[in-house]
């Protein structure tokens, strides 16, 4: 990649706000410095400075994704407004090559009294499209947003999820060179989040660049090559580098923050009076609880049609369908198909995805039954059962793809693939980093005498 192949370049960027202790100080600042200078006195300030950002520099190249991480109050939203031109910097420069489209604060750029249709035209016009171009793309925008008749209603009646759907649909259809996305996507439902992730993947494959703000380091690591860490002014200078290294530093800073406090007992009391060898054994962690949606046969699908998946779901050992289950339960994921034409070397499969559309794990019958020489005939019904212990999933919403194919290995021809046929929602689980916990974990701590 050429060193000159950049689409956004930021250097020495800073933003300072004037903070007034009382409303009358603002009037004093407007009048008094002029009066003092007119009588030969030095000017006096009636405000204190607050530097939201200082000395920020980074570069985004064509086709590259850059993440921005940092705790609340570190200046992430201010930075996005500066690079988008909605704020003027106190110092520094922002150079941009191409069109920038941004999804910032929820509802920004929308007039609450206008309908969704009117706001599409308003927002797309602000992003550089002509009325004729918007006319030609409106149906695609409406289809992407998928909010039905609400497109004709005032957006003040919209839920936060509908706001995001419409706003993202607009920026996805304005031929932007750079997309700037704040945490707004976090309010969308899991299906729309995955739809957006698929779009962003195609966008980058076609040479688009992405600037993404997120507290979710997993999302930054999975989507971005580089990242920028912003910290409060009294802690660390802005740090730009590889996404993995920046996320490590971010977590180190997060857990080193003294404001987190110590939830434990007084340090003088910890371990007091412990005998020579003491063993503390923790109780097994409560398993995560999940709800399971009904099978969605109308989910987005593709395939050649020699068979149709007519049912999928989780079942217990007695064959009862489960609409709720917990981690470590022994369950069976059952996939049922109706065969319409002869299928040689049939194969069933399923994939568990997180809200970003990443596959956490996939399983299939291909390698297990390859030597059996299976063949399904037209008119038959076939059922596959995958038995396993439910994993300990971390907080969030997950979806399950199910698929039926013909052929061996990489020669698979998909006959029916259903995206998001099932939804797993975590009702109770740990709220830590990662996606899953260890199965059947029991913790033990041993405390001995003084070390030598």
Protein backbone atom coordinates (compact mmCIF):
# COMPACT_ATOMS: atom_id res chain seq x y z
CA UNK A 1 0.00 0.00 0.00
CA UNK A 2 1.43 3.34 -1.02
CA UNK A 3 2.38 5.78 1.73
CA UNK A 4 0.40 8.39 -0.20
CA UNK A 5 -2.75 6.24 -0.30
CA UNK A 6 -4.44 8.03 2.59
CA UNK A 7 -8.05 9.26 2.73
CA UNK A 8 -7.90 11.03 6.10
CA UNK A 9 -4.93 12.58 7.84
CA UNK A 10 -5.09 14.26 11.25
CA UNK A 11 -2.18 16.16 12.78
CA UNK A 12 -1.77 18.06 16.04
CA UNK A 13 -5.54 18.20 16.56
CA UNK A 14 -6.75 19.92 19.73
CA UNK A 15 -10.02 21.25 21.10
CA UNK A 16 -10.31 23.60 24.06
CA UNK A 17 -13.59 24.68 25.67
CA UNK A 18 -14.11 27.73 27.87
CA UNK A 19 -15.83 26.82 31.12
CA UNK A 20 -17.67 29.61 32.94
CA UNK A 21 -18.48 29.21 36.62
CA UNK A 22 -21.45 31.61 36.43
CA UNK A 23 -23.58 32.91 33.54
CA UNK A 24 -22.50 36.50 34.19
CA UNK A 25 -18.87 35.50 33.63
CA UNK A 26 -19.68 34.92 29.98
CA UNK A 27 -20.88 38.53 29.68
CA UNK A 28 -17.79 39.75 31.53
CA UNK A 29 -15.56 37.88 29.10
CA UNK A 30 -17.31 39.53 26.19
CA UNK A 31 -17.03 43.08 27.58
CA UNK A 32 -14.23 43.43 30.14
CA UNK A 33 -11.11 42.45 28.13
CA UNK A 34 -11.93 45.17 25.57
CA UNK A 35 -12.47 47.75 28.30
CA UNK A 36 -9.26 46.84 30.11
CA UNK A 37 -7.21 47.03 26.93
CA UNK A 38 -8.79 50.41 26.06
CA UNK A 39 -7.43 51.90 29.31
CA UNK A 40 -4.03 50.24 28.96
CA UNK A 41 -4.58 47.34 31.34
CA UNK A 42 -3.82 43.71 30.53
CA UNK A 43 -6.78 41.55 29.61
CA UNK A 44 -8.21 39.19 32.21
CA UNK A 45 -9.99 35.90 31.51
CA UNK A 46 -13.23 34.99 33.27
CA UNK A 47 -13.20 31.33 32.28
CA UNK A 48 -11.07 28.26 32.81
CA UNK A 49 -9.81 26.12 29.96
CA UNK A 50 -10.86 22.53 29.45
CA UNK A 51 -8.91 20.63 26.82
CA UNK A 52 -11.12 17.87 25.48
CA UNK A 53 -8.38 16.84 23.05
CA UNK A 54 -4.76 17.75 22.59
CA UNK A 55 -2.11 16.70 20.07
CA UNK A 56 -4.11 13.97 18.33
CA UNK A 57 -2.63 12.56 15.15
CA UNK A 58 -3.43 9.53 12.99
CA UNK A 59 -3.94 8.46 9.40
CA UNK A 60 -6.58 6.35 7.65
CA UNK A 61 -5.67 4.73 4.36
CA UNK A 62 -7.91 3.55 1.54
CA UNK A 63 -9.70 0.32 2.46
CA UNK A 64 -8.47 0.50 6.06
CA UNK A 65 -10.48 0.42 9.29
CA UNK A 66 -9.29 2.40 12.31
CA UNK A 67 -10.87 1.96 15.73
CA UNK A 68 -11.08 4.63 18.42
CA UNK A 69 -11.19 3.43 22.02
CA UNK A 70 -11.18 5.17 25.36
CA UNK A 71 -13.18 5.60 28.52
CA UNK A 72 -16.13 7.96 28.79
CA UNK A 73 -14.95 11.55 28.80
CA UNK A 74 -11.75 10.89 26.85
CA UNK A 75 -12.89 12.94 23.82
CA UNK A 76 -14.00 10.27 21.34
CA UNK A 77 -17.21 12.02 20.29
CA UNK A 78 -15.42 15.38 20.13
CA UNK A 79 -12.85 13.86 17.79
CA UNK A 80 -15.52 12.50 15.47
CA UNK A 81 -17.24 15.88 15.31
CA UNK A 82 -13.92 17.52 14.45
CA UNK A 83 -13.10 15.10 11.63
CA UNK A 84 -16.65 15.43 10.28
CA UNK A 85 -16.47 19.23 10.33
CA UNK A 86 -19.31 19.87 12.78
CA UNK A 87 -16.81 21.36 15.26
CA UNK A 88 -13.90 23.70 14.58
CA UNK A 89 -10.56 22.69 16.14
CA UNK A 90 -8.63 24.97 18.47
CA UNK A 91 -5.43 23.76 16.82
CA UNK A 92 -4.31 21.21 14.26
CA UNK A 93 -5.52 20.04 10.88
CA UNK A 94 -7.87 17.47 9.39
CA UNK A 95 -7.30 16.58 5.74
CA UNK A 96 -9.84 14.44 3.91
CA UNK A 97 -9.87 12.98 0.43
CA UNK A 98 -13.35 12.00 -0.66
CA UNK A 99 -16.84 12.03 0.80
CA UNK A 100 -17.38 11.41 4.52
CA UNK A 101 -20.66 9.99 5.85
CA UNK A 102 -21.16 9.79 9.60
CA UNK A 103 -23.47 8.03 12.03
CA UNK A 104 -22.85 9.94 15.24
CA UNK A 105 -25.28 10.73 18.05
CA UNK A 106 -28.66 9.06 17.80
CA UNK A 107 -30.92 11.14 15.57
CA UNK A 108 -28.27 13.69 14.64
CA UNK A 109 -28.98 15.25 11.25
CA UNK A 110 -32.70 14.37 11.49
CA UNK A 111 -35.57 16.82 11.93
CA UNK A 112 -37.95 15.18 14.44
CA UNK A 113 -41.00 16.82 12.84
CA UNK A 114 -40.20 15.46 9.35
CA UNK A 115 -41.21 12.03 8.17
CA UNK A 116 -38.66 9.32 7.53
CA UNK A 117 -38.95 9.94 3.79
CA UNK A 118 -38.35 13.68 4.20
CA UNK A 119 -35.37 13.04 6.46
CA UNK A 120 -33.87 10.67 3.90
CA UNK A 121 -33.92 13.50 1.36
CA UNK A 122 -32.63 16.02 3.92
CA UNK A 123 -29.78 13.83 5.17
CA UNK A 124 -28.72 12.54 1.77
CA UNK A 125 -28.70 16.10 0.38
CA UNK A 126 -26.42 17.20 3.22
CA UNK A 127 -24.13 14.30 2.29
CA UNK A 128 -23.87 15.50 -1.29
CA UNK A 129 -26.50 13.66 -3.31
CA UNK A 130 -28.78 15.43 -5.78
CA UNK A 131 -32.56 15.04 -5.66
CA UNK A 132 -32.41 12.88 -8.79
CA UNK A 133 -29.82 10.57 -7.17
CA UNK A 134 -31.93 10.25 -4.02
CA UNK A 135 -35.03 9.47 -6.11
CA UNK A 136 -33.14 6.65 -7.83
CA UNK A 137 -31.90 5.17 -4.53
CA UNK A 138 -34.86 5.76 -2.24
CA UNK A 139 -36.38 2.29 -2.64
CA UNK A 140 -33.02 0.68 -1.79
CA UNK A 141 -32.65 2.92 1.27
CA UNK A 142 -36.17 2.08 2.46
CA UNK A 143 -35.59 -1.64 1.91
CA UNK A 144 -32.32 -1.55 3.85
CA UNK A 145 -33.94 0.31 6.77
CA UNK A 146 -36.90 -2.09 6.70
CA UNK A 147 -39.16 0.01 8.94
CA UNK A 148 -42.27 -0.49 6.80
CA UNK A 149 -44.94 2.21 6.82
CA UNK A 150 -43.11 4.17 9.50
CA UNK A 151 -41.07 5.67 6.67
CA UNK A 152 -44.02 8.04 6.19
CA UNK A 153 -44.34 8.94 9.90
CA UNK A 154 -42.54 11.74 11.80
CA UNK A 155 -39.26 10.43 13.15
CA UNK A 156 -40.14 11.75 16.62
CA UNK A 157 -42.40 8.68 16.85
CA UNK A 158 -39.49 6.30 16.13
CA UNK A 159 -37.78 4.00 18.59
CA UNK A 160 -34.00 4.28 18.94
CA UNK A 161 -33.63 1.15 16.82
CA UNK A 162 -35.70 2.64 13.99
CA UNK A 163 -33.61 5.83 14.14
CA UNK A 164 -30.44 3.80 13.65
CA UNK A 165 -31.93 1.71 10.85
CA UNK A 166 -32.88 4.75 8.82
CA UNK A 167 -29.67 6.68 9.54
CA UNK A 168 -27.44 3.76 8.60
CA UNK A 169 -29.49 3.03 5.48
CA UNK A 170 -28.82 6.58 4.29
CA UNK A 171 -25.06 6.56 4.85
CA UNK A 172 -24.87 3.14 3.20
CA UNK A 173 -26.23 4.55 -0.08
CA UNK A 174 -24.43 7.87 -0.57
CA UNK A 175 -21.24 6.52 -2.19
CA UNK A 176 -19.08 7.60 0.73
CA UNK A 177 -15.33 7.05 0.71
CA UNK A 178 -15.12 7.13 4.52
CA UNK A 179 -17.75 5.99 7.01
CA UNK A 180 -17.55 7.37 10.55
CA UNK A 181 -19.58 5.35 13.05
CA UNK A 182 -20.06 6.02 16.74
CA UNK A 183 -21.56 3.62 19.30
CA UNK A 184 -25.01 4.24 17.80
CA UNK A 185 -25.10 0.76 16.23
CA UNK A 186 -25.19 -0.79 19.69
CA UNK A 187 -28.90 0.07 20.03
CA UNK A 188 -29.98 -1.87 16.94
CA UNK A 189 -31.34 -5.42 17.17
CA UNK A 190 -28.99 -8.34 16.51
CA UNK A 191 -30.30 -8.96 12.97
CA UNK A 192 -29.71 -5.35 11.93
CA UNK A 193 -26.27 -5.30 13.57
CA UNK A 194 -25.27 -8.35 11.56
CA UNK A 195 -26.72 -6.79 8.40
CA UNK A 196 -24.62 -3.68 9.02
CA UNK A 197 -21.49 -5.79 9.58
CA UNK A 198 -22.04 -7.57 6.26
CA UNK A 199 -22.41 -4.20 4.54
CA UNK A 200 -19.24 -2.83 6.18
CA UNK A 201 -17.30 -5.88 5.03
CA UNK A 202 -18.42 -5.34 1.41
CA UNK A 203 -17.79 -1.60 1.75
CA UNK A 204 -14.17 -2.19 2.71
CA UNK A 205 -13.66 -4.85 0.05
CA UNK A 206 -14.64 -2.18 -2.47
CA UNK A 207 -12.01 0.24 -1.16
CA UNK A 208 -14.04 2.12 1.47
CA UNK A 209 -12.44 3.23 4.73
CA UNK A 210 -13.93 3.08 8.21
CA UNK A 211 -13.48 5.08 11.41
CA UNK A 212 -15.18 3.20 14.26
CA UNK A 213 -15.70 4.27 17.87
CA UNK A 214 -16.47 1.44 20.28
CA UNK A 215 -16.00 0.35 23.88
CA UNK A 216 -16.10 -3.22 22.60
CA UNK A 217 -12.47 -4.23 22.10
CA UNK A 218 -13.58 -7.50 20.46
CA UNK A 219 -15.33 -5.49 17.72
CA UNK A 220 -12.26 -3.29 17.23
CA UNK A 221 -9.94 -6.30 17.03
CA UNK A 222 -12.18 -8.14 14.57
CA UNK A 223 -12.77 -5.17 12.25
CA UNK A 224 -9.77 -2.84 12.52
CA UNK A 225 -6.10 -3.04 11.59
CA UNK A 226 -5.16 0.05 13.58
CA UNK A 227 -6.59 1.89 16.56
CA UNK A 228 -6.31 5.16 18.45
CA UNK A 229 -6.48 5.27 22.25
CA UNK A 230 -7.76 8.47 23.84
CA UNK A 231 -7.34 9.09 27.55
CA UNK A 232 -8.20 11.96 29.88
CA UNK A 233 -5.60 14.73 29.63
CA UNK A 234 -3.99 13.91 32.99
CA UNK A 235 -3.28 10.28 32.16
CA UNK A 236 -1.84 9.41 28.76
CA UNK A 237 -1.11 11.09 25.45
CA UNK A 238 -3.13 9.85 22.47
CA UNK A 239 -1.66 6.55 21.30
CA UNK A 240 -1.98 5.36 17.69
CA UNK A 241 -0.79 1.94 16.56
CA UNK A 242 -1.78 -1.63 15.75
CA UNK A 243 -5.27 -2.55 16.98
CA UNK A 244 -4.10 -5.42 19.19
CA UNK A 245 -1.41 -3.40 20.96
CA UNK A 246 -3.69 -0.38 21.45
CA UNK A 247 -6.47 -2.55 22.92
CA UNK A 248 -4.00 -4.11 25.34
CA UNK A 249 -2.91 -0.66 26.55
CA UNK A 250 -6.58 0.41 26.81
CA UNK A 251 -7.40 -2.54 29.08
CA UNK A 252 -4.29 -1.89 31.18
CA UNK A 253 -5.36 1.73 31.67
CA UNK A 254 -8.95 0.74 32.38
CA UNK A 255 -8.03 -1.64 35.18
CA UNK A 256 -5.34 0.64 36.57
CA UNK A 257 -7.91 3.41 37.12
CA UNK A 258 -7.94 4.18 40.86
CA UNK A 259 -11.54 5.41 40.62
CA UNK A 260 -12.63 1.79 40.20
CA UNK A 261 -11.89 1.41 43.90
CA UNK A 262 -11.33 -1.80 45.85
CA UNK A 263 -14.53 -3.72 46.55
CA UNK A 264 -12.73 -6.06 48.97
CA UNK A 265 -12.06 -5.89 52.67
CA UNK A 266 -9.50 -3.70 54.37
CA UNK A 267 -5.99 -4.71 53.27
CA UNK A 268 -4.91 -5.16 56.91
CA UNK A 269 -7.64 -7.77 57.42
CA UNK A 270 -7.05 -9.89 54.32
CA UNK A 271 -5.65 -13.28 55.24
CA UNK A 272 -5.27 -12.28 58.89
CA UNK A 273 -4.80 -15.26 61.18
CA UNK A 274 -4.54 -17.76 58.33
CA UNK A 275 -3.03 -21.08 59.43
CA UNK A 276 0.00 -22.59 57.72
CA UNK A 277 -2.06 -24.14 54.93
CA UNK A 278 -5.59 -22.97 54.16
CA UNK A 279 -7.64 -23.94 51.11
CA UNK A 280 -10.50 -21.73 49.94
CA UNK A 281 -12.86 -23.49 47.54
CA UNK A 282 -15.36 -21.38 45.61
CA UNK A 283 -18.85 -22.45 44.73
CA UNK A 284 -19.35 -23.45 41.07
CA UNK A 285 -20.45 -20.51 39.00
CA UNK A 286 -24.17 -20.29 38.28
CA UNK A 287 -24.75 -21.39 34.67
CA UNK A 288 -25.86 -18.80 32.14
CA UNK A 289 -29.58 -18.76 31.33
CA UNK A 290 -30.87 -18.45 27.75
CA UNK A 291 -34.18 -17.94 26.01
CA UNK A 292 -34.66 -19.53 22.59
CA UNK A 293 -36.83 -18.04 19.84
CA UNK A 294 -39.20 -20.16 17.74
CA UNK A 295 -37.82 -21.45 14.44
CA UNK A 296 -37.98 -18.70 11.81
CA UNK A 297 -38.64 -20.37 8.46
CA UNK A 298 -39.10 -16.93 6.85
CA UNK A 299 -35.51 -15.94 7.64
CA UNK A 300 -33.23 -14.86 4.82
CA UNK A 301 -32.22 -17.95 2.83
CA UNK A 302 -30.45 -19.21 -0.27
CA UNK A 303 -29.76 -22.55 -1.95
CA UNK A 304 -30.44 -24.70 -5.02
CA UNK A 305 -33.65 -26.14 -3.60
CA UNK A 306 -33.22 -29.92 -3.69
CA UNK A 307 -34.41 -29.87 -0.07
CA UNK A 308 -36.04 -27.44 2.37
CA UNK A 309 -35.31 -27.01 6.05
CA UNK A 310 -38.74 -27.12 7.68
CA UNK A 311 -37.77 -27.05 11.36
CA UNK A 312 -34.88 -26.43 13.72
CA UNK A 313 -34.67 -26.07 17.46
CA UNK A 314 -33.19 -27.18 20.76
CA UNK A 315 -34.62 -30.34 22.38
CA UNK A 316 -34.03 -32.16 25.66
CA UNK A 317 -33.30 -35.86 26.14
CA UNK A 318 -37.04 -36.67 26.10
CA UNK A 319 -37.57 -34.95 22.76
CA UNK A 320 -39.29 -31.86 24.15
CA UNK A 321 -38.65 -28.57 22.41
CA UNK A 322 -36.89 -26.04 24.65
CA UNK A 323 -37.71 -22.33 24.72
CA UNK A 324 -35.40 -21.80 27.69
CA UNK A 325 -32.21 -23.55 28.68
CA UNK A 326 -29.02 -23.02 30.63
CA UNK A 327 -25.32 -23.48 30.17
CA UNK A 328 -24.00 -27.02 30.75
CA UNK A 329 -27.37 -28.57 29.86
CA UNK A 330 -27.12 -31.58 27.58
CA UNK A 331 -29.21 -30.57 24.58
CA UNK A 332 -29.86 -31.65 21.03
CA UNK A 333 -29.97 -29.16 18.16
CA UNK A 334 -32.32 -30.76 15.65
CA UNK A 335 -32.57 -29.83 11.97
CA UNK A 336 -35.36 -31.33 9.84
CA UNK A 337 -35.53 -31.21 6.03
CA UNK A 338 -37.99 -32.28 3.35
CA UNK A 339 -36.19 -33.73 0.32
CA UNK A 340 -37.53 -32.73 -3.13
CA UNK A 341 -34.84 -34.26 -5.39
CA UNK A 342 -32.20 -36.95 -4.97
CA UNK A 343 -29.27 -35.78 -2.78
CA UNK A 344 -25.94 -37.63 -2.77
CA UNK A 345 -23.59 -37.16 0.20
CA UNK A 346 -26.02 -34.98 2.19
CA UNK A 347 -24.63 -32.78 4.94
CA UNK A 348 -26.29 -30.84 7.77
CA UNK A 349 -24.63 -27.97 9.60
CA UNK A 350 -25.16 -25.13 12.06
CA UNK A 351 -23.22 -21.99 13.08
CA UNK A 352 -23.50 -19.90 16.25
CA UNK A 353 -22.89 -16.16 15.65
CA UNK A 354 -22.47 -13.17 17.92
CA UNK A 355 -24.05 -9.76 17.34
CA UNK A 356 -21.22 -8.77 14.99
CA UNK A 357 -21.97 -11.74 12.74
CA UNK A 358 -18.75 -13.52 13.74
CA UNK A 359 -18.93 -17.33 13.87
CA UNK A 360 -18.17 -18.50 17.42
CA UNK A 361 -18.31 -22.12 16.34
CA UNK A 362 -19.64 -24.26 13.51
CA UNK A 363 -20.44 -27.97 13.35
CA UNK A 364 -21.53 -30.29 10.55
CA UNK A 365 -22.13 -33.93 9.66
CA UNK A 366 -19.91 -34.05 6.55
CA UNK A 367 -16.75 -35.59 7.99
CA UNK A 368 -18.62 -37.83 10.45
CA UNK A 369 -20.81 -39.52 7.82
CA UNK A 370 -18.55 -39.24 4.78
CA UNK A 371 -17.79 -42.98 4.75
CA UNK A 372 -21.47 -43.99 5.01
CA UNK A 373 -22.29 -43.15 1.38
CA UNK A 374 -25.62 -41.61 2.35
CA UNK A 375 -28.20 -40.79 -0.30
CA UNK A 376 -31.60 -39.15 0.27
CA UNK A 377 -34.43 -39.69 -2.21
CA UNK A 378 -37.22 -37.32 -3.22
CA UNK A 379 -40.16 -37.39 -0.84
CA UNK A 380 -38.13 -38.42 2.19
CA UNK A 381 -37.87 -36.54 5.46
CA UNK A 382 -34.47 -36.39 7.17
CA UNK A 383 -33.57 -35.23 10.66
CA UNK A 384 -30.09 -34.48 12.04
CA UNK A 385 -29.40 -34.26 15.77
CA UNK A 386 -26.32 -32.56 17.22
CA UNK A 387 -25.95 -33.43 20.91
CA UNK A 388 -23.68 -31.29 23.08
CA UNK A 389 -23.38 -29.43 26.38
CA UNK A 390 -24.48 -25.81 26.09
CA UNK A 391 -21.53 -23.41 26.39
CA UNK A 392 -21.33 -20.68 29.03
CA UNK A 393 -22.00 -17.69 26.78
CA UNK A 394 -21.29 -14.16 27.95
CA UNK A 395 -23.96 -11.43 27.89
CA UNK A 396 -25.49 -10.62 24.52
CA UNK A 397 -27.74 -11.93 21.78
CA UNK A 398 -26.62 -14.76 19.51
CA UNK A 399 -28.12 -16.25 16.36
CA UNK A 400 -27.93 -19.69 14.76
CA UNK A 401 -27.62 -20.37 11.04
CA UNK A 402 -28.76 -23.81 9.85
CA UNK A 403 -27.85 -25.38 6.54
CA UNK A 404 -28.33 -28.45 4.38
CA UNK A 405 -25.91 -29.19 1.53
CA UNK A 406 -24.90 -31.86 -1.00
CA UNK A 407 -21.36 -33.01 -1.67
CA UNK A 408 -18.07 -33.51 0.16
CA UNK A 409 -15.94 -30.92 1.88
CA UNK A 410 -15.20 -27.85 -0.23
CA UNK A 411 -17.40 -29.23 -3.01
CA UNK A 412 -20.54 -28.52 -0.98
CA UNK A 413 -23.49 -27.23 -2.94
CA UNK A 414 -25.85 -25.51 -0.55
CA UNK A 415 -29.43 -26.69 -1.01
CA UNK A 416 -30.99 -24.60 1.77
CA UNK A 417 -29.20 -22.19 4.07
CA UNK A 418 -31.17 -20.15 6.61
CA UNK A 419 -29.54 -17.11 8.22
CA UNK A 420 -30.58 -16.46 11.83
CA UNK A 421 -33.11 -19.28 12.01
CA UNK A 422 -32.88 -19.25 15.82
CA UNK A 423 -32.07 -16.52 18.34
CA UNK A 424 -30.43 -17.16 21.73
CA UNK A 425 -30.76 -14.32 24.22
CA UNK A 426 -28.66 -14.42 27.37
CA UNK A 427 -30.94 -13.76 30.34
CA UNK A 428 -28.27 -14.16 33.03
CA UNK A 429 -24.52 -14.45 32.69
CA UNK A 430 -21.21 -12.94 33.66
CA UNK A 431 -20.42 -9.49 32.32
CA UNK A 432 -16.76 -9.78 31.47
CA UNK A 433 -14.58 -9.77 28.39
CA UNK A 434 -14.80 -12.44 25.73
CA UNK A 435 -17.68 -14.52 24.43
CA UNK A 436 -17.84 -17.62 26.60
CA UNK A 437 -16.72 -19.07 29.90
CA UNK A 438 -15.12 -22.38 30.84
CA UNK A 439 -17.48 -25.35 31.20
CA UNK A 440 -17.93 -26.68 34.76
CA UNK A 441 -15.43 -24.30 36.35
CA UNK A 442 -14.70 -24.70 40.09
CA UNK A 443 -12.13 -22.35 41.63
CA UNK A 444 -9.73 -23.06 44.50
CA UNK A 445 -7.27 -20.77 46.30
CA UNK A 446 -4.50 -22.09 48.55
CA UNK A 447 -2.91 -19.92 51.21
CA UNK A 448 0.25 -21.02 52.99
CA UNK A 449 2.60 -19.53 55.56
CA UNK A 450 5.07 -16.71 54.98
CA UNK A 451 7.45 -17.15 52.05
CA UNK A 452 11.13 -17.32 52.78
